[in-house]
C-alpha atoms as a PDB file:
ATOM      1  CA  UNK A   1     389.191  79.844  28.942  1.00  0.00           C
ATOM      2  CA  UNK A   2     387.787  76.344  28.301  1.00  0.00           C
ATOM      3  CA  UNK A   3     387.620  75.581  32.021  1.00  0.00           C
ATOM      4  CA  UNK A   4     385.864  78.860  32.730  1.00  0.00           C
ATOM      5  CA  UNK A   5     383.241  78.271  30.040  1.00  0.00           C
ATOM      6  CA  UNK A   6     382.701  74.679  31.164  1.00  0.00           C
ATOM      7  CA  UNK A   7     382.462  75.814  34.791  1.00  0.00           C
ATOM      8  CA  UNK A   8     380.074  78.706  34.201  1.00  0.00           C
ATOM      9  CA  UNK A   9     377.885  76.605  31.906  1.00  0.00           C
ATOM     10  CA  UNK A  10     377.603  73.741  34.392  1.00  0.00           C
ATOM     11  CA  UNK A  11     377.035  75.872  37.464  1.00  0.00           C
ATOM     12  CA  UNK A  12     374.356  77.963  35.744  1.00  0.00           C
ATOM     13  CA  UNK A  13     372.566  75.127  33.962  1.00  0.00           C
ATOM     14  CA  UNK A  14     372.572  72.613  36.798  1.00  0.00           C
ATOM     15  CA  UNK A  15     371.719  75.192  39.472  1.00  0.00           C
ATOM     16  CA  UNK A  16     368.641  76.058  37.417  1.00  0.00           C
ATOM     17  CA  UNK A  17     367.823  72.352  37.240  1.00  0.00           C
ATOM     18  CA  UNK A  18     368.026  72.020  41.024  1.00  0.00           C
ATOM     19  CA  UNK A  19     365.722  75.027  41.367  1.00  0.00           C
ATOM     20  CA  UNK A  20     363.221  73.356  38.999  1.00  0.00           C
ATOM     21  CA  UNK A  21     363.400  70.075  40.899  1.00  0.00           C
ATOM     22  CA  UNK A  22     362.847  71.714  44.283  1.00  0.00           C
ATOM     23  CA  UNK A  23     359.834  73.597  42.933  1.00  0.00           C
ATOM     24  CA  UNK A  24     358.252  70.588  41.204  1.00  0.00           C
ATOM     25  CA  UNK A  25     354.959  69.837  42.994  1.00  0.00           C
ATOM     26  CA  UNK A  26     354.777  66.372  41.401  1.00  0.00           C
ATOM     27  CA  UNK A  27     357.911  65.138  43.205  1.00  0.00           C
ATOM     28  CA  UNK A  28     358.016  63.891  46.773  1.00  0.00           C
ATOM     29  CA  UNK A  29     361.105  64.314  48.950  1.00  0.00           C
ATOM     30  CA  UNK A  30     362.694  61.109  47.710  1.00  0.00           C
ATOM     31  CA  UNK A  31     362.084  62.115  44.091  1.00  0.00           C
ATOM     32  CA  UNK A  32     363.578  65.540  44.693  1.00  0.00           C
ATOM     33  CA  UNK A  33     366.672  64.006  46.261  1.00  0.00           C
ATOM     34  CA  UNK A  34     367.025  61.410  43.490  1.00  0.00           C
ATOM     35  CA  UNK A  35     366.693  63.916  40.623  1.00  0.00           C
ATOM     36  CA  UNK A  36     368.873  66.497  42.396  1.00  0.00           C
ATOM     37  CA  UNK A  37     371.830  64.148  42.790  1.00  0.00           C
ATOM     38  CA  UNK A  38     373.211  64.354  39.222  1.00  0.00           C
ATOM     39  CA  UNK A  39     372.415  68.057  39.036  1.00  0.00           C
ATOM     40  CA  UNK A  40     374.339  68.811  42.229  1.00  0.00           C
ATOM     41  CA  UNK A  41     377.280  66.641  41.139  1.00  0.00           C
ATOM     42  CA  UNK A  42     377.505  68.324  37.719  1.00  0.00           C
ATOM     43  CA  UNK A  43     377.199  71.784  39.294  1.00  0.00           C
ATOM     44  CA  UNK A  44     379.972  70.863  41.745  1.00  0.00           C
ATOM     45  CA  UNK A  45     382.152  69.713  38.846  1.00  0.00           C
ATOM     46  CA  UNK A  46     381.566  73.088  37.219  1.00  0.00           C
ATOM     47  CA  UNK A  47     382.465  74.892  40.432  1.00  0.00           C
ATOM     48  CA  UNK A  48     385.712  72.931  40.694  1.00  0.00           C
ATOM     49  CA  UNK A  49     386.481  73.834  37.061  1.00  0.00           C
ATOM     50  CA  UNK A  50     386.047  77.505  37.957  1.00  0.00           C
ATOM     51  CA  UNK A  51     388.279  77.162  41.016  1.00  0.00           C
ATOM     52  CA  UNK A  52     390.869  74.909  39.331  1.00  0.00           C
ATOM     53  CA  UNK A  53     393.437  77.694  39.022  1.00  0.00           C
ATOM     54  CA  UNK A  54     393.533  78.116  42.800  1.00  0.00           C
ATOM     55  CA  UNK A  55     393.233  74.480  43.838  1.00  0.00           C
ATOM     56  CA  UNK A  56     396.598  72.795  44.271  1.00  0.00           C
ATOM     57  CA  UNK A  57     397.366  69.224  43.335  1.00  0.00           C
ATOM     58  CA  UNK A  58     395.827  66.802  40.912  1.00  0.00           C
ATOM     59  CA  UNK A  59     392.548  66.132  42.731  1.00  0.00           C
ATOM     60  CA  UNK A  60     390.842  69.156  41.187  1.00  0.00           C
ATOM     61  CA  UNK A  61     391.988  68.095  37.731  1.00  0.00           C
ATOM     62  CA  UNK A  62     390.627  64.623  38.362  1.00  0.00           C
ATOM     63  CA  UNK A  63     387.245  66.064  39.440  1.00  0.00           C
ATOM     64  CA  UNK A  64     387.053  68.246  36.330  1.00  0.00           C
ATOM     65  CA  UNK A  65     387.962  65.334  34.041  1.00  0.00           C
ATOM     66  CA  UNK A  66     385.404  63.124  35.796  1.00  0.00           C
ATOM     67  CA  UNK A  67     382.688  65.768  35.395  1.00  0.00           C
ATOM     68  CA  UNK A  68     383.565  66.228  31.719  1.00  0.00           C
ATOM     69  CA  UNK A  69     383.653  62.463  31.102  1.00  0.00           C
ATOM     70  CA  UNK A  70     380.310  61.965  32.825  1.00  0.00           C
ATOM     71  CA  UNK A  71     378.857  64.802  30.742  1.00  0.00           C
ATOM     72  CA  UNK A  72     379.943  63.084  27.531  1.00  0.00           C
ATOM     73  CA  UNK A  73     378.144  59.910  28.654  1.00  0.00           C
ATOM     74  CA  UNK A  74     375.113  61.468  30.405  1.00  0.00           C
ATOM     75  CA  UNK A  75     373.803  63.768  27.695  1.00  0.00           C
ATOM     76  CA  UNK A  76     373.532  61.324  24.786  1.00  0.00           C
ATOM     77  CA  UNK A  77     371.734  58.836  27.030  1.00  0.00           C
ATOM     78  CA  UNK A  78     369.462  61.523  28.479  1.00  0.00           C
ATOM     79  CA  UNK A  79     368.695  62.883  25.013  1.00  0.00           C
ATOM     80  CA  UNK A  80     367.606  59.474  23.718  1.00  0.00           C
ATOM     81  CA  UNK A  81     365.370  59.056  26.759  1.00  0.00           C
ATOM     82  CA  UNK A  82     363.835  62.513  26.224  1.00  0.00           C
ATOM     83  CA  UNK A  83     363.193  61.947  22.529  1.00  0.00           C
ATOM     84  CA  UNK A  84     361.597  58.569  23.164  1.00  0.00           C
ATOM     85  CA  UNK A  85     359.439  59.725  26.053  1.00  0.00           C
ATOM     86  CA  UNK A  86     356.750  61.682  24.207  1.00  0.00           C
ATOM     87  CA  UNK A  87     357.838  65.186  25.239  1.00  0.00           C
ATOM     88  CA  UNK A  88     356.822  68.222  23.204  1.00  0.00           C
ATOM     89  CA  UNK A  89     359.102  69.153  20.304  1.00  0.00           C
ATOM     90  CA  UNK A  90     360.128  72.464  21.917  1.00  0.00           C
ATOM     91  CA  UNK A  91     361.154  70.735  25.134  1.00  0.00           C
ATOM     92  CA  UNK A  92     363.215  68.196  23.198  1.00  0.00           C
ATOM     93  CA  UNK A  93     364.803  70.922  21.040  1.00  0.00           C
ATOM     94  CA  UNK A  94     365.914  72.896  24.092  1.00  0.00           C
ATOM     95  CA  UNK A  95     367.449  69.807  25.649  1.00  0.00           C
ATOM     96  CA  UNK A  96     369.204  68.847  22.433  1.00  0.00           C
ATOM     97  CA  UNK A  97     370.829  72.299  22.429  1.00  0.00           C
ATOM     98  CA  UNK A  98     371.806  71.875  26.089  1.00  0.00           C
ATOM     99  CA  UNK A  99     373.259  68.464  25.235  1.00  0.00           C
ATOM    100  CA  UNK A 100     375.261  69.710  22.244  1.00  0.00           C
ATOM    101  CA  UNK A 101     376.748  72.649  24.156  1.00  0.00           C
ATOM    102  CA  UNK A 102     377.472  70.522  27.225  1.00  0.00           C
ATOM    103  CA  UNK A 103     379.155  67.727  25.293  1.00  0.00           C
ATOM    104  CA  UNK A 104     381.106  70.233  23.189  1.00  0.00           C
ATOM    105  CA  UNK A 105     382.474  72.012  26.264  1.00  0.00           C
ATOM    106  CA  UNK A 106     383.194  68.729  28.027  1.00  0.00           C
ATOM    107  CA  UNK A 107     385.082  67.444  24.993  1.00  0.00           C
ATOM    108  CA  UNK A 108     387.125  70.643  24.863  1.00  0.00           C
ATOM    109  CA  UNK A 109     388.018  70.209  28.546  1.00  0.00           C
ATOM    110  CA  UNK A 110     389.017  66.588  28.009  1.00  0.00           C
ATOM    111  CA  UNK A 111     391.201  67.561  25.058  1.00  0.00           C
ATOM    112  CA  UNK A 112     392.839  70.245  27.201  1.00  0.00           C
ATOM    113  CA  UNK A 113     393.759  67.651  29.819  1.00  0.00           C
ATOM    114  CA  UNK A 114     394.956  65.095  27.283  1.00  0.00           C
ATOM    115  CA  UNK A 115     398.447  63.841  28.084  1.00  0.00           C
ATOM    116  CA  UNK A 116     401.230  65.240  25.903  1.00  0.00           C
ATOM    117  CA  UNK A 117     402.623  62.831  23.295  1.00  0.00           C
END
Protein backbone atom coordinates (compact mmCIF):
# COMPACT_ATOMS: atom_id res chain seq x y z
CA UNK A 1 0.00 0.00 0.00
CA UNK A 2 2.93 2.35 0.72
CA UNK A 3 4.14 2.16 -2.88
CA UNK A 4 0.67 2.87 -4.21
CA UNK A 5 0.22 5.93 -1.98
CA UNK A 6 3.70 7.21 -2.83
CA UNK A 7 3.05 6.61 -6.54
CA UNK A 8 -0.38 8.22 -6.66
CA UNK A 9 0.79 11.19 -4.60
CA UNK A 10 3.81 11.85 -6.81
CA UNK A 11 2.06 11.38 -10.12
CA UNK A 12 -0.84 13.64 -9.12
CA UNK A 13 1.21 16.35 -7.42
CA UNK A 14 4.01 16.59 -9.95
CA UNK A 15 1.70 16.33 -12.97
CA UNK A 16 -0.16 19.34 -11.59
CA UNK A 17 3.18 21.12 -11.20
CA UNK A 18 4.07 20.45 -14.84
CA UNK A 19 0.67 21.81 -15.88
CA UNK A 20 1.34 24.99 -13.84
CA UNK A 21 4.80 25.39 -15.35
CA UNK A 22 3.56 24.99 -18.92
CA UNK A 23 0.84 27.57 -18.32
CA UNK A 24 3.11 30.13 -16.62
CA UNK A 25 3.28 33.20 -18.88
CA UNK A 26 6.34 34.51 -17.02
CA UNK A 27 8.54 31.58 -18.11
CA UNK A 28 10.25 31.28 -21.46
CA UNK A 29 10.90 27.90 -23.09
CA UNK A 30 14.19 27.41 -21.28
CA UNK A 31 12.57 28.26 -17.94
CA UNK A 32 9.73 25.85 -18.60
CA UNK A 33 12.17 23.07 -19.43
CA UNK A 34 14.36 23.82 -16.41
CA UNK A 35 11.48 23.90 -13.90
CA UNK A 36 9.77 20.89 -15.50
CA UNK A 37 12.80 18.62 -15.13
CA UNK A 38 12.44 17.78 -11.41
CA UNK A 39 8.66 17.60 -11.73
CA UNK A 40 8.85 15.09 -14.59
CA UNK A 41 11.49 13.02 -12.79
CA UNK A 42 9.45 12.87 -9.56
CA UNK A 43 6.28 12.02 -11.49
CA UNK A 44 8.17 9.26 -13.31
CA UNK A 45 9.40 7.90 -9.97
CA UNK A 46 5.79 7.82 -8.81
CA UNK A 47 4.72 6.02 -11.97
CA UNK A 48 7.43 3.39 -11.46
CA UNK A 49 6.24 2.96 -7.85
CA UNK A 50 2.74 2.28 -9.16
CA UNK A 51 4.03 -0.21 -11.73
CA UNK A 52 6.59 -1.84 -9.40
CA UNK A 53 4.49 -4.97 -8.91
CA UNK A 54 4.63 -5.73 -12.63
CA UNK A 55 8.19 -4.65 -13.35
CA UNK A 56 10.69 -7.48 -13.01
CA UNK A 57 14.17 -7.14 -11.62
CA UNK A 58 15.79 -4.68 -9.28
CA UNK A 59 15.89 -1.65 -11.58
CA UNK A 60 12.36 -0.59 -10.67
CA UNK A 61 13.18 -0.89 -6.98
CA UNK A 62 16.27 1.22 -7.50
CA UNK A 63 14.22 3.91 -9.30
CA UNK A 64 11.65 3.98 -6.50
CA UNK A 65 14.34 4.22 -3.81
CA UNK A 66 16.09 6.97 -5.77
CA UNK A 67 12.84 8.93 -6.12
CA UNK A 68 12.10 8.52 -2.40
CA UNK A 69 15.65 9.51 -1.42
CA UNK A 70 15.56 12.57 -3.65
CA UNK A 71 12.20 13.53 -2.15
CA UNK A 72 13.66 13.41 1.36
CA UNK A 73 16.43 15.79 0.24
CA UNK A 74 14.45 18.02 -2.16
CA UNK A 75 11.55 19.07 0.04
CA UNK A 76 13.42 20.39 3.07
CA UNK A 77 15.69 22.43 0.80
CA UNK A 78 12.76 23.68 -1.29
CA UNK A 79 10.79 24.57 1.84
CA UNK A 80 13.62 26.69 3.25
CA UNK A 81 13.90 28.48 -0.09
CA UNK A 82 10.14 29.12 -0.17
CA UNK A 83 10.01 30.42 3.39
CA UNK A 84 12.96 32.74 2.81
CA UNK A 85 11.73 34.07 -0.52
CA UNK A 86 8.94 36.39 0.62
CA UNK A 87 5.98 34.29 -0.53
CA UNK A 88 2.54 34.76 0.99
CA UNK A 89 1.79 32.77 4.14
CA UNK A 90 -0.91 30.69 2.42
CA UNK A 91 1.44 29.69 -0.38
CA UNK A 92 4.11 28.67 2.13
CA UNK A 93 1.58 26.76 4.26
CA UNK A 94 0.37 24.74 1.28
CA UNK A 95 3.93 23.85 0.33
CA UNK A 96 4.83 22.90 3.88
CA UNK A 97 1.90 20.45 3.84
CA UNK A 98 3.05 19.09 0.47
CA UNK A 99 6.56 18.72 1.90
CA UNK A 100 5.44 16.93 5.06
CA UNK A 101 3.24 14.46 3.17
CA UNK A 102 5.88 13.87 0.50
CA UNK A 103 8.70 13.28 2.96
CA UNK A 104 6.48 11.07 5.12
CA UNK A 105 5.53 8.85 2.18
CA UNK A 106 9.10 8.76 0.90
CA UNK A 107 10.37 7.74 4.33
CA UNK A 108 7.77 4.98 4.52
CA UNK A 109 8.91 3.70 1.11
CA UNK A 110 12.56 3.77 2.16
CA UNK A 111 11.74 1.87 5.35
CA UNK A 112 9.86 -0.71 3.28
CA UNK A 113 12.94 -1.30 1.13
CA UNK A 114 15.33 -1.40 4.07
CA UNK A 115 17.49 -4.52 4.03
CA UNK A 116 16.52 -7.22 6.53
CA UNK A 117 18.80 -7.53 9.56
